[in-house]
Amino acid sequence: MNRPADQRKALIRNLITSLFLYGKVQTTDAKAKALASEAEKLITKVKRQKETFNAVRELKRVIFTEEASKKALAYVTSTKKTSGFTRLTKIRLRPGDRALIIQVDLIAEPSSAKASEAKSTPKKVAAKKTTAKAAPKKAAAPKKETPAKKPAAKKAAPKKAASKITEK
């Protein structure tokens, strides 16, 4: 990131604030790598604080908004991980300059109660989705028959043209 130091620090602070506010950020390759590194360092530093008061002070030194610092503190206190708090995922190439766009996610651990609910819920939802998908397939079948008739009519037209050529 070819920027002056103060601008670079402000950019990273803005990205960290957005990461904790929204849980994910899409940015270019170089910015994403710098963001992931700084976010990991910040989370580790906050986890090492024994008192919540000092942890909040560390967060407020980096994060701009009160809401983001509250979400960050909640994330840090809820996770039991010691490292690997962020995930970098390649998304796409930006159309204008073909720069690689990467999504940086905060990795959240499901608690044991939430995990058991999450496992049972998708099964019910999946059953509903299969019945919903079956109905549109039946409705889609007649639509496929009508386009089949149109190409048959187009094939008949060239035969007439061929008969006109032979008459001359």
N, C-alpha and C. Protein backbone atom coordinates (compact mmCIF):
# COMPACT_ATOMS: atom_id res chain seq x y z
N MET A 1 0.85 -1.17 0.00
CA MET A 1 0.00 0.00 0.00
C MET A 1 0.89 1.24 0.00
N ASN A 2 1.03 1.81 -1.14
CA ASN A 2 1.93 2.94 -1.35
C ASN A 2 1.24 4.23 -0.92
N ARG A 3 1.21 4.48 0.40
CA ARG A 3 0.58 5.66 0.96
C ARG A 3 1.45 6.21 2.08
N PRO A 4 1.26 7.47 2.43
CA PRO A 4 1.94 7.99 3.61
C PRO A 4 1.47 7.24 4.86
N ALA A 5 2.31 7.19 5.88
CA ALA A 5 2.04 6.38 7.07
C ALA A 5 0.73 6.76 7.76
N ASP A 6 0.45 8.06 7.87
CA ASP A 6 -0.78 8.46 8.57
C ASP A 6 -2.02 8.04 7.79
N GLN A 7 -1.98 8.14 6.47
CA GLN A 7 -3.12 7.70 5.66
C GLN A 7 -3.29 6.19 5.72
N ARG A 8 -2.18 5.47 5.72
CA ARG A 8 -2.22 4.02 5.78
C ARG A 8 -2.84 3.55 7.10
N LYS A 9 -2.44 4.17 8.21
CA LYS A 9 -2.99 3.82 9.52
C LYS A 9 -4.48 4.13 9.59
N ALA A 10 -4.88 5.27 9.06
CA ALA A 10 -6.30 5.64 9.06
C ALA A 10 -7.12 4.66 8.22
N LEU A 11 -6.58 4.25 7.08
CA LEU A 11 -7.26 3.30 6.21
C LEU A 11 -7.47 1.97 6.93
N ILE A 12 -6.43 1.47 7.57
CA ILE A 12 -6.53 0.20 8.29
C ILE A 12 -7.51 0.32 9.45
N ARG A 13 -7.49 1.46 10.17
CA ARG A 13 -8.45 1.66 11.27
C ARG A 13 -9.89 1.67 10.75
N ASN A 14 -10.10 2.31 9.62
CA ASN A 14 -11.46 2.32 9.02
C ASN A 14 -11.88 0.91 8.63
N LEU A 15 -10.98 0.14 8.04
CA LEU A 15 -11.31 -1.22 7.64
C LEU A 15 -11.59 -2.11 8.86
N ILE A 16 -10.81 -1.94 9.93
CA ILE A 16 -11.05 -2.72 11.15
C ILE A 16 -12.40 -2.36 11.75
N THR A 17 -12.73 -1.07 11.76
CA THR A 17 -14.04 -0.64 12.27
C THR A 17 -15.16 -1.27 11.47
N SER A 18 -15.05 -1.26 10.16
CA SER A 18 -16.08 -1.87 9.31
C SER A 18 -16.14 -3.39 9.50
N LEU A 19 -15.00 -4.01 9.69
CA LEU A 19 -14.97 -5.46 9.90
C LEU A 19 -15.76 -5.85 11.14
N PHE A 20 -15.56 -5.11 12.23
CA PHE A 20 -16.29 -5.45 13.45
C PHE A 20 -17.75 -5.02 13.38
N LEU A 21 -18.07 -3.96 12.65
CA LEU A 21 -19.47 -3.54 12.51
C LEU A 21 -20.27 -4.54 11.71
N TYR A 22 -19.75 -4.98 10.57
CA TYR A 22 -20.52 -5.80 9.64
C TYR A 22 -20.12 -7.27 9.62
N GLY A 23 -18.99 -7.61 10.21
CA GLY A 23 -18.56 -9.00 10.24
C GLY A 23 -17.79 -9.43 9.01
N LYS A 24 -17.82 -8.63 7.96
CA LYS A 24 -17.07 -8.94 6.74
C LYS A 24 -16.82 -7.66 5.97
N VAL A 25 -15.74 -7.67 5.18
CA VAL A 25 -15.35 -6.52 4.37
C VAL A 25 -14.79 -7.05 3.06
N GLN A 26 -15.17 -6.41 1.94
CA GLN A 26 -14.58 -6.76 0.64
C GLN A 26 -13.63 -5.64 0.24
N THR A 27 -12.39 -6.00 -0.05
CA THR A 27 -11.39 -5.01 -0.42
C THR A 27 -10.32 -5.68 -1.29
N THR A 28 -9.35 -4.89 -1.72
CA THR A 28 -8.31 -5.43 -2.60
C THR A 28 -7.35 -6.32 -1.82
N ASP A 29 -6.50 -7.01 -2.55
CA ASP A 29 -5.60 -8.01 -1.99
C ASP A 29 -4.68 -7.43 -0.92
N ALA A 30 -3.95 -6.37 -1.24
CA ALA A 30 -2.99 -5.80 -0.30
C ALA A 30 -3.68 -5.27 0.95
N LYS A 31 -4.80 -4.58 0.78
CA LYS A 31 -5.53 -4.04 1.93
C LYS A 31 -6.08 -5.17 2.79
N ALA A 32 -6.55 -6.24 2.17
CA ALA A 32 -7.11 -7.37 2.91
C ALA A 32 -6.05 -8.05 3.77
N LYS A 33 -4.86 -8.23 3.21
CA LYS A 33 -3.78 -8.86 3.98
C LYS A 33 -3.36 -7.98 5.16
N ALA A 34 -3.27 -6.69 4.95
CA ALA A 34 -2.92 -5.78 6.03
C ALA A 34 -4.02 -5.75 7.09
N LEU A 35 -5.27 -5.75 6.64
CA LEU A 35 -6.41 -5.74 7.57
C LEU A 35 -6.43 -7.00 8.43
N ALA A 36 -6.26 -8.15 7.81
CA ALA A 36 -6.29 -9.42 8.56
C ALA A 36 -5.18 -9.44 9.61
N SER A 37 -4.00 -8.99 9.24
CA SER A 37 -2.87 -8.98 10.16
C SER A 37 -3.15 -8.07 11.36
N GLU A 38 -3.60 -6.86 11.10
CA GLU A 38 -3.86 -5.91 12.19
C GLU A 38 -5.04 -6.34 13.05
N ALA A 39 -6.07 -6.91 12.45
CA ALA A 39 -7.23 -7.38 13.21
C ALA A 39 -6.83 -8.53 14.14
N GLU A 40 -6.02 -9.45 13.64
CA GLU A 40 -5.54 -10.56 14.46
C GLU A 40 -4.74 -10.03 15.65
N LYS A 41 -3.86 -9.07 15.41
CA LYS A 41 -3.04 -8.51 16.47
C LYS A 41 -3.91 -7.82 17.52
N LEU A 42 -4.91 -7.05 17.06
CA LEU A 42 -5.80 -6.34 17.98
C LEU A 42 -6.60 -7.31 18.84
N ILE A 43 -7.17 -8.33 18.23
CA ILE A 43 -7.97 -9.31 18.98
C ILE A 43 -7.11 -10.03 20.00
N THR A 44 -5.91 -10.42 19.61
CA THR A 44 -5.01 -11.11 20.53
C THR A 44 -4.64 -10.20 21.70
N LYS A 45 -4.36 -8.93 21.42
CA LYS A 45 -4.00 -7.98 22.47
C LYS A 45 -5.16 -7.78 23.44
N VAL A 46 -6.38 -7.70 22.92
CA VAL A 46 -7.55 -7.51 23.77
C VAL A 46 -7.83 -8.76 24.60
N LYS A 47 -7.63 -9.94 24.03
CA LYS A 47 -7.86 -11.18 24.77
C LYS A 47 -6.89 -11.33 25.94
N ARG A 48 -5.70 -10.79 25.81
CA ARG A 48 -4.70 -10.90 26.87
C ARG A 48 -4.99 -9.99 28.06
N GLN A 49 -5.83 -8.98 27.86
CA GLN A 49 -6.17 -8.07 28.95
C GLN A 49 -7.01 -8.81 29.99
N LYS A 50 -6.62 -8.67 31.25
CA LYS A 50 -7.34 -9.38 32.30
C LYS A 50 -8.60 -8.64 32.73
N GLU A 51 -8.60 -7.33 32.60
CA GLU A 51 -9.76 -6.54 32.98
C GLU A 51 -10.46 -6.01 31.74
N THR A 52 -11.79 -5.97 31.80
CA THR A 52 -12.58 -5.49 30.67
C THR A 52 -12.31 -4.02 30.38
N PHE A 53 -12.07 -3.26 31.45
CA PHE A 53 -11.82 -1.83 31.28
C PHE A 53 -10.61 -1.59 30.39
N ASN A 54 -9.54 -2.31 30.62
CA ASN A 54 -8.33 -2.15 29.81
C ASN A 54 -8.54 -2.66 28.39
N ALA A 55 -9.34 -3.70 28.23
CA ALA A 55 -9.65 -4.22 26.90
C ALA A 55 -10.41 -3.18 26.08
N VAL A 56 -11.36 -2.51 26.72
CA VAL A 56 -12.13 -1.47 26.03
C VAL A 56 -11.21 -0.32 25.62
N ARG A 57 -10.28 0.03 26.48
CA ARG A 57 -9.34 1.11 26.16
C ARG A 57 -8.48 0.75 24.96
N GLU A 58 -8.03 -0.50 24.88
CA GLU A 58 -7.24 -0.96 23.73
C GLU A 58 -8.06 -0.89 22.45
N LEU A 59 -9.33 -1.29 22.52
CA LEU A 59 -10.19 -1.26 21.34
C LEU A 59 -10.44 0.16 20.88
N LYS A 60 -10.68 1.07 21.82
CA LYS A 60 -10.99 2.45 21.45
C LYS A 60 -9.79 3.18 20.87
N ARG A 61 -8.59 2.69 21.12
CA ARG A 61 -7.41 3.29 20.51
C ARG A 61 -7.38 3.05 19.00
N VAL A 62 -8.02 1.97 18.54
CA VAL A 62 -7.97 1.60 17.13
C VAL A 62 -9.31 1.82 16.43
N ILE A 63 -10.39 1.42 17.08
CA ILE A 63 -11.71 1.44 16.44
C ILE A 63 -12.35 2.81 16.64
N PHE A 64 -12.98 3.32 15.56
CA PHE A 64 -13.53 4.67 15.58
C PHE A 64 -14.86 4.79 16.30
N THR A 65 -15.78 3.87 16.09
CA THR A 65 -17.14 4.05 16.63
C THR A 65 -17.37 3.23 17.89
N GLU A 66 -18.29 3.72 18.70
CA GLU A 66 -18.64 3.04 19.94
C GLU A 66 -19.33 1.71 19.66
N GLU A 67 -20.20 1.70 18.67
CA GLU A 67 -20.93 0.48 18.31
C GLU A 67 -19.97 -0.63 17.86
N ALA A 68 -19.00 -0.27 17.05
CA ALA A 68 -18.03 -1.26 16.58
C ALA A 68 -17.17 -1.79 17.72
N SER A 69 -16.81 -0.93 18.66
CA SER A 69 -15.99 -1.40 19.77
C SER A 69 -16.79 -2.32 20.69
N LYS A 70 -18.08 -2.06 20.84
CA LYS A 70 -18.93 -2.97 21.63
C LYS A 70 -19.04 -4.33 20.95
N LYS A 71 -19.23 -4.32 19.63
CA LYS A 71 -19.31 -5.59 18.90
C LYS A 71 -17.99 -6.35 18.95
N ALA A 72 -16.90 -5.62 18.87
CA ALA A 72 -15.58 -6.25 18.94
C ALA A 72 -15.36 -6.88 20.31
N LEU A 73 -15.73 -6.16 21.37
CA LEU A 73 -15.57 -6.70 22.72
C LEU A 73 -16.45 -7.94 22.90
N ALA A 74 -17.66 -7.90 22.37
CA ALA A 74 -18.55 -9.07 22.47
C ALA A 74 -17.96 -10.25 21.71
N TYR A 75 -17.37 -9.99 20.55
CA TYR A 75 -16.76 -11.07 19.77
C TYR A 75 -15.57 -11.66 20.51
N VAL A 76 -14.73 -10.80 21.07
CA VAL A 76 -13.53 -11.27 21.76
C VAL A 76 -13.90 -12.08 23.00
N THR A 77 -14.89 -11.63 23.74
CA THR A 77 -15.26 -12.36 24.96
C THR A 77 -16.00 -13.66 24.65
N SER A 78 -16.69 -13.73 23.52
CA SER A 78 -17.46 -14.93 23.21
C SER A 78 -16.62 -16.04 22.59
N THR A 79 -15.54 -15.70 21.91
CA THR A 79 -14.74 -16.71 21.24
C THR A 79 -13.71 -17.31 22.19
N LYS A 80 -13.47 -18.59 22.01
CA LYS A 80 -12.48 -19.29 22.83
C LYS A 80 -11.21 -19.58 22.03
N LYS A 81 -11.18 -19.12 20.79
CA LYS A 81 -10.01 -19.35 19.94
C LYS A 81 -8.82 -18.54 20.45
N THR A 82 -7.64 -19.00 20.11
CA THR A 82 -6.43 -18.26 20.44
C THR A 82 -5.79 -17.63 19.21
N SER A 83 -6.21 -18.07 18.03
CA SER A 83 -5.71 -17.48 16.79
C SER A 83 -6.67 -17.85 15.66
N GLY A 84 -6.42 -17.30 14.48
CA GLY A 84 -7.27 -17.63 13.32
C GLY A 84 -8.64 -17.00 13.41
N PHE A 85 -8.69 -15.71 13.72
CA PHE A 85 -9.97 -15.02 13.90
C PHE A 85 -10.55 -14.53 12.58
N THR A 86 -9.72 -14.42 11.55
CA THR A 86 -10.19 -13.91 10.26
C THR A 86 -9.99 -14.94 9.16
N ARG A 87 -10.79 -14.81 8.12
CA ARG A 87 -10.70 -15.69 6.95
C ARG A 87 -10.63 -14.81 5.71
N LEU A 88 -9.69 -15.10 4.82
CA LEU A 88 -9.56 -14.39 3.55
C LEU A 88 -10.11 -15.28 2.44
N THR A 89 -11.07 -14.76 1.67
CA THR A 89 -11.67 -15.52 0.59
C THR A 89 -11.59 -14.70 -0.70
N LYS A 90 -11.02 -15.29 -1.74
CA LYS A 90 -10.94 -14.59 -3.03
C LYS A 90 -12.34 -14.56 -3.63
N ILE A 91 -12.79 -13.38 -4.02
CA ILE A 91 -14.15 -13.20 -4.53
C ILE A 91 -14.17 -13.10 -6.05
N ARG A 92 -13.49 -12.11 -6.59
CA ARG A 92 -13.58 -11.85 -8.03
C ARG A 92 -12.45 -10.91 -8.44
N LEU A 93 -12.39 -10.62 -9.72
CA LEU A 93 -11.50 -9.59 -10.22
C LEU A 93 -12.35 -8.35 -10.51
N ARG A 94 -11.90 -7.21 -10.07
CA ARG A 94 -12.65 -5.97 -10.27
C ARG A 94 -12.66 -5.63 -11.76
N PRO A 95 -13.82 -5.31 -12.31
CA PRO A 95 -13.93 -5.09 -13.76
C PRO A 95 -13.04 -3.97 -14.31
N GLY A 96 -12.87 -2.89 -13.61
CA GLY A 96 -12.13 -1.75 -14.14
C GLY A 96 -10.65 -2.00 -14.34
N ASP A 97 -10.00 -2.56 -13.33
CA ASP A 97 -8.55 -2.74 -13.40
C ASP A 97 -8.10 -4.17 -13.14
N ARG A 98 -9.02 -5.11 -13.03
CA ARG A 98 -8.74 -6.52 -12.81
C ARG A 98 -7.97 -6.76 -11.51
N ALA A 99 -8.22 -5.91 -10.51
CA ALA A 99 -7.60 -6.10 -9.20
C ALA A 99 -8.35 -7.21 -8.46
N LEU A 100 -7.62 -8.04 -7.75
CA LEU A 100 -8.21 -9.14 -7.02
C LEU A 100 -8.95 -8.61 -5.80
N ILE A 101 -10.24 -8.92 -5.70
CA ILE A 101 -11.07 -8.50 -4.57
C ILE A 101 -11.17 -9.68 -3.61
N ILE A 102 -10.87 -9.43 -2.35
CA ILE A 102 -10.87 -10.45 -1.31
C ILE A 102 -11.85 -10.05 -0.23
N GLN A 103 -12.59 -11.04 0.28
CA GLN A 103 -13.51 -10.80 1.39
C GLN A 103 -12.84 -11.28 2.68
N VAL A 104 -12.81 -10.39 3.67
CA VAL A 104 -12.25 -10.71 4.98
C VAL A 104 -13.43 -10.92 5.92
N ASP A 105 -13.52 -12.11 6.53
CA ASP A 105 -14.61 -12.46 7.43
C ASP A 105 -14.07 -12.65 8.83
N LEU A 106 -14.90 -12.29 9.82
CA LEU A 106 -14.62 -12.69 11.20
C LEU A 106 -15.17 -14.09 11.37
N ILE A 107 -14.37 -15.00 11.85
CA ILE A 107 -14.83 -16.37 12.01
C ILE A 107 -15.51 -16.48 13.37
N ALA A 108 -16.78 -16.85 13.36
CA ALA A 108 -17.55 -16.98 14.59
C ALA A 108 -17.69 -18.45 14.94
N GLU A 109 -17.52 -18.76 16.20
CA GLU A 109 -17.71 -20.13 16.66
C GLU A 109 -19.14 -20.30 17.14
N PRO A 110 -19.85 -21.30 16.66
CA PRO A 110 -21.18 -21.53 17.21
C PRO A 110 -21.05 -22.18 18.59
N SER A 111 -21.88 -21.71 19.52
CA SER A 111 -21.86 -22.35 20.84
C SER A 111 -22.55 -23.70 20.74
N SER A 112 -22.40 -24.55 21.74
CA SER A 112 -22.94 -25.91 21.67
C SER A 112 -24.47 -25.91 21.57
N ALA A 113 -25.15 -24.98 22.24
CA ALA A 113 -26.62 -24.92 22.16
C ALA A 113 -27.05 -24.44 20.78
N LYS A 114 -26.36 -23.43 20.26
CA LYS A 114 -26.71 -22.92 18.95
C LYS A 114 -26.40 -23.94 17.87
N ALA A 115 -25.33 -24.70 18.03
CA ALA A 115 -24.94 -25.69 17.03
C ALA A 115 -25.99 -26.80 16.93
N SER A 116 -26.52 -27.23 18.06
CA SER A 116 -27.53 -28.29 18.01
C SER A 116 -28.82 -27.78 17.37
N GLU A 117 -29.18 -26.51 17.63
CA GLU A 117 -30.36 -25.93 16.99
C GLU A 117 -30.13 -25.75 15.49
N ALA A 118 -28.94 -25.33 15.12
CA ALA A 118 -28.63 -25.10 13.71
C ALA A 118 -28.66 -26.41 12.93
N LYS A 119 -28.23 -27.50 13.55
CA LYS A 119 -28.24 -28.79 12.86
C LYS A 119 -29.66 -29.29 12.63
N SER A 120 -30.56 -29.04 13.58
CA SER A 120 -31.93 -29.53 13.42
C SER A 120 -32.74 -28.62 12.50
N THR A 121 -32.48 -27.34 12.50
CA THR A 121 -33.26 -26.41 11.69
C THR A 121 -33.06 -26.61 10.19
N PRO A 122 -31.85 -26.76 9.64
CA PRO A 122 -31.71 -26.91 8.20
C PRO A 122 -32.43 -28.14 7.64
N LYS A 123 -32.55 -29.19 8.44
CA LYS A 123 -33.25 -30.37 7.94
C LYS A 123 -34.71 -30.06 7.66
N LYS A 124 -35.34 -29.29 8.55
CA LYS A 124 -36.74 -28.92 8.34
C LYS A 124 -36.88 -27.99 7.15
N VAL A 125 -35.97 -27.04 7.03
CA VAL A 125 -36.02 -26.09 5.93
C VAL A 125 -35.78 -26.80 4.61
N ALA A 126 -34.87 -27.76 4.59
CA ALA A 126 -34.57 -28.49 3.36
C ALA A 126 -35.79 -29.28 2.90
N ALA A 127 -36.55 -29.85 3.83
CA ALA A 127 -37.74 -30.60 3.45
C ALA A 127 -38.76 -29.68 2.80
N LYS A 128 -38.91 -28.47 3.31
CA LYS A 128 -39.85 -27.52 2.73
C LYS A 128 -39.40 -27.09 1.34
N LYS A 129 -38.11 -26.91 1.17
CA LYS A 129 -37.60 -26.47 -0.12
C LYS A 129 -37.81 -27.53 -1.20
N THR A 130 -37.70 -28.79 -0.86
CA THR A 130 -37.87 -29.83 -1.87
C THR A 130 -39.30 -29.88 -2.36
N THR A 131 -40.26 -29.66 -1.48
CA THR A 131 -41.66 -29.66 -1.92
C THR A 131 -41.94 -28.43 -2.76
N ALA A 132 -41.32 -27.32 -2.43
CA ALA A 132 -41.53 -26.11 -3.21
C ALA A 132 -40.91 -26.23 -4.59
N LYS A 133 -39.82 -26.94 -4.71
CA LYS A 133 -39.16 -27.10 -6.00
C LYS A 133 -39.93 -28.06 -6.91
N ALA A 134 -40.66 -28.99 -6.33
CA ALA A 134 -41.37 -29.97 -7.13
C ALA A 134 -42.51 -29.31 -7.92
N ALA A 135 -43.18 -28.36 -7.34
CA ALA A 135 -44.30 -27.70 -8.01
C ALA A 135 -43.85 -26.91 -9.25
N PRO A 136 -42.78 -26.10 -9.19
CA PRO A 136 -42.38 -25.37 -10.38
C PRO A 136 -41.93 -26.27 -11.53
N LYS A 137 -41.42 -27.46 -11.24
CA LYS A 137 -41.01 -28.35 -12.31
C LYS A 137 -42.21 -28.79 -13.14
N LYS A 138 -43.33 -29.03 -12.48
CA LYS A 138 -44.54 -29.43 -13.20
C LYS A 138 -45.03 -28.29 -14.08
N ALA A 139 -44.95 -27.07 -13.57
CA ALA A 139 -45.40 -25.93 -14.33
C ALA A 139 -44.44 -25.64 -15.49
N ALA A 140 -43.19 -25.97 -15.34
CA ALA A 140 -42.20 -25.69 -16.37
C ALA A 140 -42.30 -26.67 -17.54
N ALA A 141 -42.87 -27.83 -17.34
CA ALA A 141 -42.94 -28.83 -18.40
C ALA A 141 -43.76 -28.36 -19.61
N PRO A 142 -44.94 -27.74 -19.45
CA PRO A 142 -45.67 -27.28 -20.63
C PRO A 142 -44.94 -26.18 -21.39
N LYS A 143 -44.16 -25.38 -20.71
CA LYS A 143 -43.42 -24.33 -21.40
C LYS A 143 -42.39 -24.91 -22.35
N LYS A 144 -41.83 -26.05 -22.02
CA LYS A 144 -40.84 -26.67 -22.88
C LYS A 144 -41.47 -27.20 -24.16
N GLU A 145 -42.73 -27.60 -24.11
CA GLU A 145 -43.40 -28.13 -25.30
C GLU A 145 -43.67 -27.05 -26.33
N THR A 146 -44.05 -25.85 -25.93
CA THR A 146 -44.36 -24.80 -26.88
C THR A 146 -43.15 -24.35 -27.69
N PRO A 147 -41.95 -24.21 -27.12
CA PRO A 147 -40.81 -23.85 -27.98
C PRO A 147 -40.46 -24.96 -28.97
N ALA A 148 -40.81 -26.19 -28.68
CA ALA A 148 -40.51 -27.28 -29.60
C ALA A 148 -41.32 -27.14 -30.89
N LYS A 149 -42.51 -26.59 -30.82
CA LYS A 149 -43.35 -26.41 -32.01
C LYS A 149 -42.78 -25.32 -32.91
N LYS A 150 -42.24 -24.27 -32.34
CA LYS A 150 -41.72 -23.17 -33.15
C LYS A 150 -40.55 -23.59 -34.03
N PRO A 151 -39.57 -24.35 -33.57
CA PRO A 151 -38.50 -24.76 -34.47
C PRO A 151 -39.01 -25.66 -35.60
N ALA A 152 -40.06 -26.44 -35.36
CA ALA A 152 -40.60 -27.27 -36.41
C ALA A 152 -41.16 -26.41 -37.53
N ALA A 153 -41.79 -25.29 -37.20
CA ALA A 153 -42.33 -24.39 -38.21
C ALA A 153 -41.19 -23.74 -38.99
N LYS A 154 -40.10 -23.42 -38.35
CA LYS A 154 -38.97 -22.82 -39.05
C LYS A 154 -38.33 -23.80 -40.03
N LYS A 155 -38.34 -25.07 -39.68
CA LYS A 155 -37.77 -26.06 -40.58
C LYS A 155 -38.64 -26.20 -41.84
N ALA A 156 -39.93 -26.01 -41.70
CA ALA A 156 -40.83 -26.13 -42.85
C ALA A 156 -40.60 -24.98 -43.83
N ALA A 157 -40.26 -23.81 -43.37
CA ALA A 157 -40.07 -22.66 -44.23
C ALA A 157 -38.91 -22.88 -45.21
N PRO A 158 -37.78 -23.42 -44.84
CA PRO A 158 -36.71 -23.63 -45.81
C PRO A 158 -37.09 -24.64 -46.89
N LYS A 159 -37.95 -25.59 -46.59
CA LYS A 159 -38.38 -26.56 -47.61
C LYS A 159 -39.14 -25.85 -48.72
N LYS A 160 -39.99 -24.90 -48.36
CA LYS A 160 -40.74 -24.14 -49.35
C LYS A 160 -39.77 -23.33 -50.24
N ALA A 161 -38.77 -22.76 -49.63
CA ALA A 161 -37.80 -22.00 -50.39
C ALA A 161 -37.06 -22.93 -51.36
N ALA A 162 -36.78 -24.11 -50.96
CA ALA A 162 -36.09 -25.06 -51.82
C ALA A 162 -36.98 -25.44 -52.99
N SER A 163 -38.29 -25.56 -52.79
CA SER A 163 -39.19 -25.91 -53.88
C SER A 163 -39.30 -24.78 -54.88
N LYS A 164 -39.21 -23.52 -54.45
CA LYS A 164 -39.25 -22.37 -55.35
C LYS A 164 -38.03 -22.36 -56.26
N ILE A 165 -36.91 -22.74 -55.75
CA ILE A 165 -35.68 -22.77 -56.54
C ILE A 165 -35.79 -23.81 -57.65
N THR A 166 -36.37 -24.94 -57.36
CA THR A 166 -36.49 -25.99 -58.36
C THR A 166 -37.49 -25.61 -59.44
N GLU A 167 -38.50 -24.79 -59.11
CA GLU A 167 -39.49 -24.38 -60.10
C GLU A 167 -38.88 -23.47 -61.16
N LYS A 168 -37.93 -22.67 -60.83
CA LYS A 168 -37.34 -21.73 -61.77
C LYS A 168 -36.46 -22.46 -62.68
